[in-house]
C-alpha atoms as a PDB file:
ATOM      1  CA  UNK A   1     327.193 -17.871 111.553  1.00  0.00           C
ATOM      2  CA  UNK A   2     328.247 -19.670 108.502  1.00  0.00           C
ATOM      3  CA  UNK A   3     331.328 -18.061 106.827  1.00  0.00           C
ATOM      4  CA  UNK A   4     329.259 -17.460 103.725  1.00  0.00           C
ATOM      5  CA  UNK A   5     326.524 -15.565 105.725  1.00  0.00           C
ATOM      6  CA  UNK A   6     329.257 -13.635 107.566  1.00  0.00           C
ATOM      7  CA  UNK A   7     330.374 -12.603 103.677  1.00  0.00           C
ATOM      8  CA  UNK A   8     326.806 -11.760 102.680  1.00  0.00           C
ATOM      9  CA  UNK A   9     326.487  -9.281 105.809  1.00  0.00           C
ATOM     10  CA  UNK A  10     329.921  -7.458 104.527  1.00  0.00           C
ATOM     11  CA  UNK A  11     328.629  -7.059 101.034  1.00  0.00           C
ATOM     12  CA  UNK A  12     325.353  -5.989 102.471  1.00  0.00           C
ATOM     13  CA  UNK A  13     326.802  -3.414 104.777  1.00  0.00           C
ATOM     14  CA  UNK A  14     329.188  -2.010 102.343  1.00  0.00           C
ATOM     15  CA  UNK A  15     326.243  -1.736  99.607  1.00  0.00           C
ATOM     16  CA  UNK A  16     324.367   0.181 102.059  1.00  0.00           C
ATOM     17  CA  UNK A  17     327.634   2.417 103.010  1.00  0.00           C
ATOM     18  CA  UNK A  18     328.456   3.092  99.404  1.00  0.00           C
ATOM     19  CA  UNK A  19     324.788   3.984  98.443  1.00  0.00           C
ATOM     20  CA  UNK A  20     324.750   6.592 101.365  1.00  0.00           C
ATOM     21  CA  UNK A  21     328.022   8.167 100.877  1.00  0.00           C
ATOM     22  CA  UNK A  22     326.729   8.821  96.903  1.00  0.00           C
ATOM     23  CA  UNK A  23     323.324   9.349  97.986  1.00  0.00           C
ATOM     24  CA  UNK A  24     324.208  12.323 100.762  1.00  0.00           C
ATOM     25  CA  UNK A  25     327.030  13.631  99.099  1.00  0.00           C
ATOM     26  CA  UNK A  26     327.446  17.599  97.690  1.00  0.00           C
ATOM     27  CA  UNK A  27     327.461  16.398  94.024  1.00  0.00           C
ATOM     28  CA  UNK A  28     324.106  14.441  94.295  1.00  0.00           C
ATOM     29  CA  UNK A  29     322.504  17.164  95.989  1.00  0.00           C
ATOM     30  CA  UNK A  30     323.450  19.317  92.977  1.00  0.00           C
ATOM     31  CA  UNK A  31     322.513  16.558  90.412  1.00  0.00           C
ATOM     32  CA  UNK A  32     319.629  15.379  91.345  1.00  0.00           C
ATOM     33  CA  UNK A  33     317.791  17.234  87.818  1.00  0.00           C
ATOM     34  CA  UNK A  34     320.299  16.197  85.768  1.00  0.00           C
ATOM     35  CA  UNK A  35     320.024  12.338  87.270  1.00  0.00           C
ATOM     36  CA  UNK A  36     316.212  12.296  86.281  1.00  0.00           C
ATOM     37  CA  UNK A  37     317.151  13.460  82.501  1.00  0.00           C
ATOM     38  CA  UNK A  38     319.524  10.756  82.341  1.00  0.00           C
ATOM     39  CA  UNK A  39     317.295   8.234  84.012  1.00  0.00           C
ATOM     40  CA  UNK A  40     314.733   9.016  81.460  1.00  0.00           C
ATOM     41  CA  UNK A  41     316.449   7.148  78.966  1.00  0.00           C
ATOM     42  CA  UNK A  42     316.512   4.049  81.060  1.00  0.00           C
ATOM     43  CA  UNK A  43     312.893   4.349  81.509  1.00  0.00           C
ATOM     44  CA  UNK A  44     309.999   1.583  79.566  1.00  0.00           C
ATOM     45  CA  UNK A  45     308.412   5.279  78.497  1.00  0.00           C
ATOM     46  CA  UNK A  46     311.699   6.151  76.316  1.00  0.00           C
ATOM     47  CA  UNK A  47     312.039   2.643  75.177  1.00  0.00           C
ATOM     48  CA  UNK A  48     308.151   2.194  74.328  1.00  0.00           C
ATOM     49  CA  UNK A  49     308.236   5.463  72.608  1.00  0.00           C
ATOM     50  CA  UNK A  50     311.184   4.362  70.721  1.00  0.00           C
ATOM     51  CA  UNK A  51     310.000   1.115  69.683  1.00  0.00           C
ATOM     52  CA  UNK A  52     306.845   2.996  68.447  1.00  0.00           C
ATOM     53  CA  UNK A  53     308.438   5.463  66.226  1.00  0.00           C
ATOM     54  CA  UNK A  54     310.493   3.021  64.615  1.00  0.00           C
ATOM     55  CA  UNK A  55     307.926   0.708  64.189  1.00  0.00           C
ATOM     56  CA  UNK A  56     305.704   3.014  62.188  1.00  0.00           C
ATOM     57  CA  UNK A  57     308.599   4.254  60.168  1.00  0.00           C
ATOM     58  CA  UNK A  58     309.513   0.823  59.683  1.00  0.00           C
ATOM     59  CA  UNK A  59     305.787  -0.285  58.405  1.00  0.00           C
ATOM     60  CA  UNK A  60     304.984   2.806  56.479  1.00  0.00           C
ATOM     61  CA  UNK A  61     308.582   3.543  54.957  1.00  0.00           C
ATOM     62  CA  UNK A  62     311.823   0.901  54.991  1.00  0.00           C
ATOM     63  CA  UNK A  63     309.644  -2.379  55.071  1.00  0.00           C
ATOM     64  CA  UNK A  64     312.669  -3.856  56.472  1.00  0.00           C
ATOM     65  CA  UNK A  65     311.345  -5.616  59.403  1.00  0.00           C
ATOM     66  CA  UNK A  66     314.449  -7.693  60.672  1.00  0.00           C
ATOM     67  CA  UNK A  67     315.953  -5.156  63.203  1.00  0.00           C
ATOM     68  CA  UNK A  68     312.615  -4.444  64.660  1.00  0.00           C
ATOM     69  CA  UNK A  69     311.834  -7.889  65.246  1.00  0.00           C
ATOM     70  CA  UNK A  70     315.006  -8.479  67.081  1.00  0.00           C
ATOM     71  CA  UNK A  71     314.752  -5.352  68.923  1.00  0.00           C
ATOM     72  CA  UNK A  72     310.973  -6.526  69.769  1.00  0.00           C
ATOM     73  CA  UNK A  73     311.673 -10.633  70.281  1.00  0.00           C
ATOM     74  CA  UNK A  74     315.054  -9.768  72.622  1.00  0.00           C
ATOM     75  CA  UNK A  75     313.202  -7.212  74.754  1.00  0.00           C
ATOM     76  CA  UNK A  76     310.290  -9.606  75.213  1.00  0.00           C
ATOM     77  CA  UNK A  77     312.227 -12.825  76.417  1.00  0.00           C
ATOM     78  CA  UNK A  78     314.640 -10.468  78.625  1.00  0.00           C
ATOM     79  CA  UNK A  79     311.583  -8.923  80.383  1.00  0.00           C
ATOM     80  CA  UNK A  80     309.968 -12.081  81.312  1.00  0.00           C
ATOM     81  CA  UNK A  81     313.514 -13.097  82.723  1.00  0.00           C
ATOM     82  CA  UNK A  82     314.034 -10.097  84.469  1.00  0.00           C
ATOM     83  CA  UNK A  83     310.984  -9.887  85.917  1.00  0.00           C
ATOM     84  CA  UNK A  84     311.058 -13.873  87.253  1.00  0.00           C
ATOM     85  CA  UNK A  85     314.358 -12.439  88.870  1.00  0.00           C
ATOM     86  CA  UNK A  86     313.162  -9.350  90.519  1.00  0.00           C
ATOM     87  CA  UNK A  87     310.017  -9.982  91.443  1.00  0.00           C
ATOM     88  CA  UNK A  88     309.522 -13.494  92.305  1.00  0.00           C
ATOM     89  CA  UNK A  89     313.428 -14.640  93.246  1.00  0.00           C
ATOM     90  CA  UNK A  90     315.145 -11.409  94.568  1.00  0.00           C
ATOM     91  CA  UNK A  91     312.323  -9.456  95.689  1.00  0.00           C
ATOM     92  CA  UNK A  92     314.619  -6.841  97.140  1.00  0.00           C
ATOM     93  CA  UNK A  93     313.227  -3.279  98.478  1.00  0.00           C
ATOM     94  CA  UNK A  94     314.455  -0.053  96.924  1.00  0.00           C
ATOM     95  CA  UNK A  95     316.523   1.908  99.167  1.00  0.00           C
ATOM     96  CA  UNK A  96     314.299   4.839 100.054  1.00  0.00           C
ATOM     97  CA  UNK A  97     312.013   2.392 101.546  1.00  0.00           C
ATOM     98  CA  UNK A  98     314.733   0.423 103.622  1.00  0.00           C
ATOM     99  CA  UNK A  99     316.612   3.030 104.485  1.00  0.00           C
ATOM    100  CA  UNK A 100     314.099   5.938 104.941  1.00  0.00           C
ATOM    101  CA  UNK A 101     314.809   6.192 108.912  1.00  0.00           C
ATOM    102  CA  UNK A 102     318.167   7.632 107.681  1.00  0.00           C
ATOM    103  CA  UNK A 103     316.600  10.147 105.629  1.00  0.00           C
ATOM    104  CA  UNK A 104     316.649   8.114 101.529  1.00  0.00           C
ATOM    105  CA  UNK A 105     313.906   9.768  99.623  1.00  0.00           C
ATOM    106  CA  UNK A 106     312.784   8.782  96.003  1.00  0.00           C
ATOM    107  CA  UNK A 107     313.707  11.393  93.898  1.00  0.00           C
ATOM    108  CA  UNK A 108     312.643   9.619  90.328  1.00  0.00           C
ATOM    109  CA  UNK A 109     309.737  11.258  88.890  1.00  0.00           C
ATOM    110  CA  UNK A 110     308.991   7.905  86.335  1.00  0.00           C
ATOM    111  CA  UNK A 111     308.274   6.155  89.828  1.00  0.00           C
ATOM    112  CA  UNK A 112     304.709   6.260  91.451  1.00  0.00           C
ATOM    113  CA  UNK A 113     304.287   8.048  94.748  1.00  0.00           C
ATOM    114  CA  UNK A 114     305.468   4.959  97.284  1.00  0.00           C
ATOM    115  CA  UNK A 115     302.225   4.637  99.294  1.00  0.00           C
ATOM    116  CA  UNK A 116     300.335   3.609  95.976  1.00  0.00           C
ATOM    117  CA  UNK A 117     302.726   1.555  94.254  1.00  0.00           C
ATOM    118  CA  UNK A 118     302.070  -2.031  94.270  1.00  0.00           C
ATOM    119  CA  UNK A 119     304.438  -4.479  95.980  1.00  0.00           C
ATOM    120  CA  UNK A 120     306.520  -5.368  92.758  1.00  0.00           C
ATOM    121  CA  UNK A 121     307.068  -1.829  92.013  1.00  0.00           C
ATOM    122  CA  UNK A 122     308.913  -1.565  95.168  1.00  0.00           C
ATOM    123  CA  UNK A 123     312.012  -4.034  94.366  1.00  0.00           C
ATOM    124  CA  UNK A 124     314.834  -2.911  93.148  1.00  0.00           C
ATOM    125  CA  UNK A 125     317.614  -5.903  91.836  1.00  0.00           C
ATOM    126  CA  UNK A 126     318.628  -6.001  89.378  1.00  0.00           C
ATOM    127  CA  UNK A 127     318.423  -2.448  87.915  1.00  0.00           C
ATOM    128  CA  UNK A 128     316.047  -2.496  85.196  1.00  0.00           C
ATOM    129  CA  UNK A 129     316.814   0.580  83.530  1.00  0.00           C
ATOM    130  CA  UNK A 130     320.999  -0.242  83.675  1.00  0.00           C
ATOM    131  CA  UNK A 131     320.342  -4.028  82.379  1.00  0.00           C
ATOM    132  CA  UNK A 132     317.950  -2.599  79.157  1.00  0.00           C
ATOM    133  CA  UNK A 133     320.510  -0.309  78.119  1.00  0.00           C
ATOM    134  CA  UNK A 134     323.203  -2.284  77.740  1.00  0.00           C
ATOM    135  CA  UNK A 135     321.277  -5.015  76.527  1.00  0.00           C
ATOM    136  CA  UNK A 136     320.087  -2.737  73.664  1.00  0.00           C
ATOM    137  CA  UNK A 137     323.755  -1.643  73.364  1.00  0.00           C
ATOM    138  CA  UNK A 138     324.780  -5.348  72.650  1.00  0.00           C
ATOM    139  CA  UNK A 139     322.052  -5.972  70.475  1.00  0.00           C
ATOM    140  CA  UNK A 140     322.782  -2.661  67.881  1.00  0.00           C
ATOM    141  CA  UNK A 141     326.697  -3.536  68.446  1.00  0.00           C
ATOM    142  CA  UNK A 142     326.176  -7.338  66.968  1.00  0.00           C
ATOM    143  CA  UNK A 143     323.524  -6.286  64.627  1.00  0.00           C
ATOM    144  CA  UNK A 144     325.729  -3.080  62.796  1.00  0.00           C
ATOM    145  CA  UNK A 145     329.260  -5.124  63.826  1.00  0.00           C
ATOM    146  CA  UNK A 146     330.443  -1.629  65.289  1.00  0.00           C
ATOM    147  CA  UNK A 147     331.784  -2.031  68.665  1.00  0.00           C
ATOM    148  CA  UNK A 148     331.926   1.588  68.723  1.00  0.00           C
ATOM    149  CA  UNK A 149     328.213   1.738  69.737  1.00  0.00           C
ATOM    150  CA  UNK A 150     328.118  -0.881  72.366  1.00  0.00           C
ATOM    151  CA  UNK A 151     330.936   1.415  74.176  1.00  0.00           C
ATOM    152  CA  UNK A 152     328.344   4.518  73.442  1.00  0.00           C
ATOM    153  CA  UNK A 153     325.700   2.266  75.633  1.00  0.00           C
ATOM    154  CA  UNK A 154     328.178   1.616  77.933  1.00  0.00           C
ATOM    155  CA  UNK A 155     328.936   5.374  78.484  1.00  0.00           C
ATOM    156  CA  UNK A 156     325.366   6.419  78.902  1.00  0.00           C
ATOM    157  CA  UNK A 157     324.881   3.696  80.780  1.00  0.00           C
ATOM    158  CA  UNK A 158     327.360   4.247  83.806  1.00  0.00           C
ATOM    159  CA  UNK A 159     325.944   7.714  83.557  1.00  0.00           C
ATOM    160  CA  UNK A 160     322.991   6.049  84.525  1.00  0.00           C
ATOM    161  CA  UNK A 161     324.014   4.042  87.216  1.00  0.00           C
ATOM    162  CA  UNK A 162     324.934   6.624  89.298  1.00  0.00           C
ATOM    163  CA  UNK A 163     322.040   8.465  88.307  1.00  0.00           C
ATOM    164  CA  UNK A 164     320.139   5.502  90.044  1.00  0.00           C
ATOM    165  CA  UNK A 165     321.822   5.706  93.238  1.00  0.00           C
ATOM    166  CA  UNK A 166     321.504   9.814  93.172  1.00  0.00           C
ATOM    167  CA  UNK A 167     317.720   9.338  92.938  1.00  0.00           C
ATOM    168  CA  UNK A 168     317.437   6.864  96.035  1.00  0.00           C
ATOM    169  CA  UNK A 169     315.957   4.007  93.738  1.00  0.00           C
ATOM    170  CA  UNK A 170     318.729   1.490  93.334  1.00  0.00           C
ATOM    171  CA  UNK A 171     321.764   0.426  95.428  1.00  0.00           C
ATOM    172  CA  UNK A 172     325.045   0.066  93.890  1.00  0.00           C
ATOM    173  CA  UNK A 173     324.770  -3.720  93.816  1.00  0.00           C
ATOM    174  CA  UNK A 174     321.466  -3.230  92.121  1.00  0.00           C
ATOM    175  CA  UNK A 175     323.247  -1.413  88.893  1.00  0.00           C
ATOM    176  CA  UNK A 176     326.488  -3.853  89.286  1.00  0.00           C
ATOM    177  CA  UNK A 177     324.124  -7.039  88.562  1.00  0.00           C
ATOM    178  CA  UNK A 178     321.924  -4.501  86.034  1.00  0.00           C
ATOM    179  CA  UNK A 179     325.361  -4.564  83.899  1.00  0.00           C
ATOM    180  CA  UNK A 180     325.498  -8.578  84.389  1.00  0.00           C
ATOM    181  CA  UNK A 181     322.115  -9.697  83.577  1.00  0.00           C
ATOM    182  CA  UNK A 182     322.052  -7.060  80.981  1.00  0.00           C
ATOM    183  CA  UNK A 183     324.702  -8.712  78.952  1.00  0.00           C
ATOM    184  CA  UNK A 184     323.791 -12.246  80.098  1.00  0.00           C
ATOM    185  CA  UNK A 185     320.122 -11.526  78.341  1.00  0.00           C
ATOM    186  CA  UNK A 186     321.747 -10.125  75.295  1.00  0.00           C
ATOM    187  CA  UNK A 187     324.523 -13.386  75.075  1.00  0.00           C
ATOM    188  CA  UNK A 188     321.454 -15.604  75.810  1.00  0.00           C
ATOM    189  CA  UNK A 189     318.965 -14.175  72.581  1.00  0.00           C
ATOM    190  CA  UNK A 190     321.904 -13.835  70.340  1.00  0.00           C
ATOM    191  CA  UNK A 191     323.196 -17.140  71.112  1.00  0.00           C
ATOM    192  CA  UNK A 192     320.605 -19.586  71.394  1.00  0.00           C
ATOM    193  CA  UNK A 193     317.342 -18.049  71.161  1.00  0.00           C
ATOM    194  CA  UNK A 194     317.021 -15.625  68.228  1.00  0.00           C
ATOM    195  CA  UNK A 195     316.452 -17.823  65.491  1.00  0.00           C
ATOM    196  CA  UNK A 196     313.149 -19.239  67.280  1.00  0.00           C
ATOM    197  CA  UNK A 197     312.197 -15.614  67.763  1.00  0.00           C
ATOM    198  CA  UNK A 198     313.013 -14.208  64.654  1.00  0.00           C
ATOM    199  CA  UNK A 199     310.976 -17.333  62.929  1.00  0.00           C
ATOM    200  CA  UNK A 200     308.158 -17.110  65.051  1.00  0.00           C
ATOM    201  CA  UNK A 201     307.386 -13.384  64.364  1.00  0.00           C
ATOM    202  CA  UNK A 202     307.740 -13.845  60.506  1.00  0.00           C
ATOM    203  CA  UNK A 203     305.132 -16.429  60.802  1.00  0.00           C
ATOM    204  CA  UNK A 204     303.108 -13.831  62.870  1.00  0.00           C
ATOM    205  CA  UNK A 205     303.969 -10.884  60.302  1.00  0.00           C
ATOM    206  CA  UNK A 206     301.490 -11.431  57.557  1.00  0.00           C
ATOM    207  CA  UNK A 207     298.841 -12.535  59.618  1.00  0.00           C
ATOM    208  CA  UNK A 208     299.051  -9.415  61.896  1.00  0.00           C
ATOM    209  CA  UNK A 209     299.612  -7.144  58.598  1.00  0.00           C
ATOM    210  CA  UNK A 210     296.163  -8.749  57.481  1.00  0.00           C
ATOM    211  CA  UNK A 211     294.873  -7.524  60.873  1.00  0.00           C
ATOM    212  CA  UNK A 212     295.905  -4.142  60.284  1.00  0.00           C
ATOM    213  CA  UNK A 213     294.476  -3.861  56.605  1.00  0.00           C
ATOM    214  CA  UNK A 214     291.189  -5.453  57.049  1.00  0.00           C
ATOM    215  CA  UNK A 215     291.134  -2.623  60.338  1.00  0.00           C
ATOM    216  CA  UNK A 216     291.601   0.266  58.160  1.00  0.00           C
ATOM    217  CA  UNK A 217     289.695  -0.986  54.707  1.00  0.00           C
END
């Protein structure tokens, strides 16, 4: 065994031990409901509803599409990268699957019943909840030039990260790298690709608007 393999094994051992310590703690057993509530704010359901309300408000009221374009295109780019990492490269199973014999169960109501889930939905690295909350926090804080926004999102994200362990769906390494990848997605978008997405969406905007108007004529 190489020194690198030994190091990876030690990380894996720490990861499992830390997860079980949190998951089986008295605090965890008393916090399942609260964990589910906070965990909801990292789901695609929440961000989807948020986007839809924002889109309707923008389209019918403000007509200011710039932030909506940044929000939408940044998410699209990041979810593609995230999916490649999680489902094609790493493919790590969730703890309630790998640690089932140690009494670990899934308590997240927004994940399907395990035996009905596809193989990809069983994967856990990195945490999408954690990654996209810190991603949007970074995007908003840069757009509004307000660091307080970032720290508010960071505080919420820390609670969400612990909630994911309590619910049995992520290891500590999953949520740690959720923070890292979320920041990476944001910096990649802001620093490199945002101008191309903005140009694309403002080119597409009149076409989409015409289609919508034709549909409701």
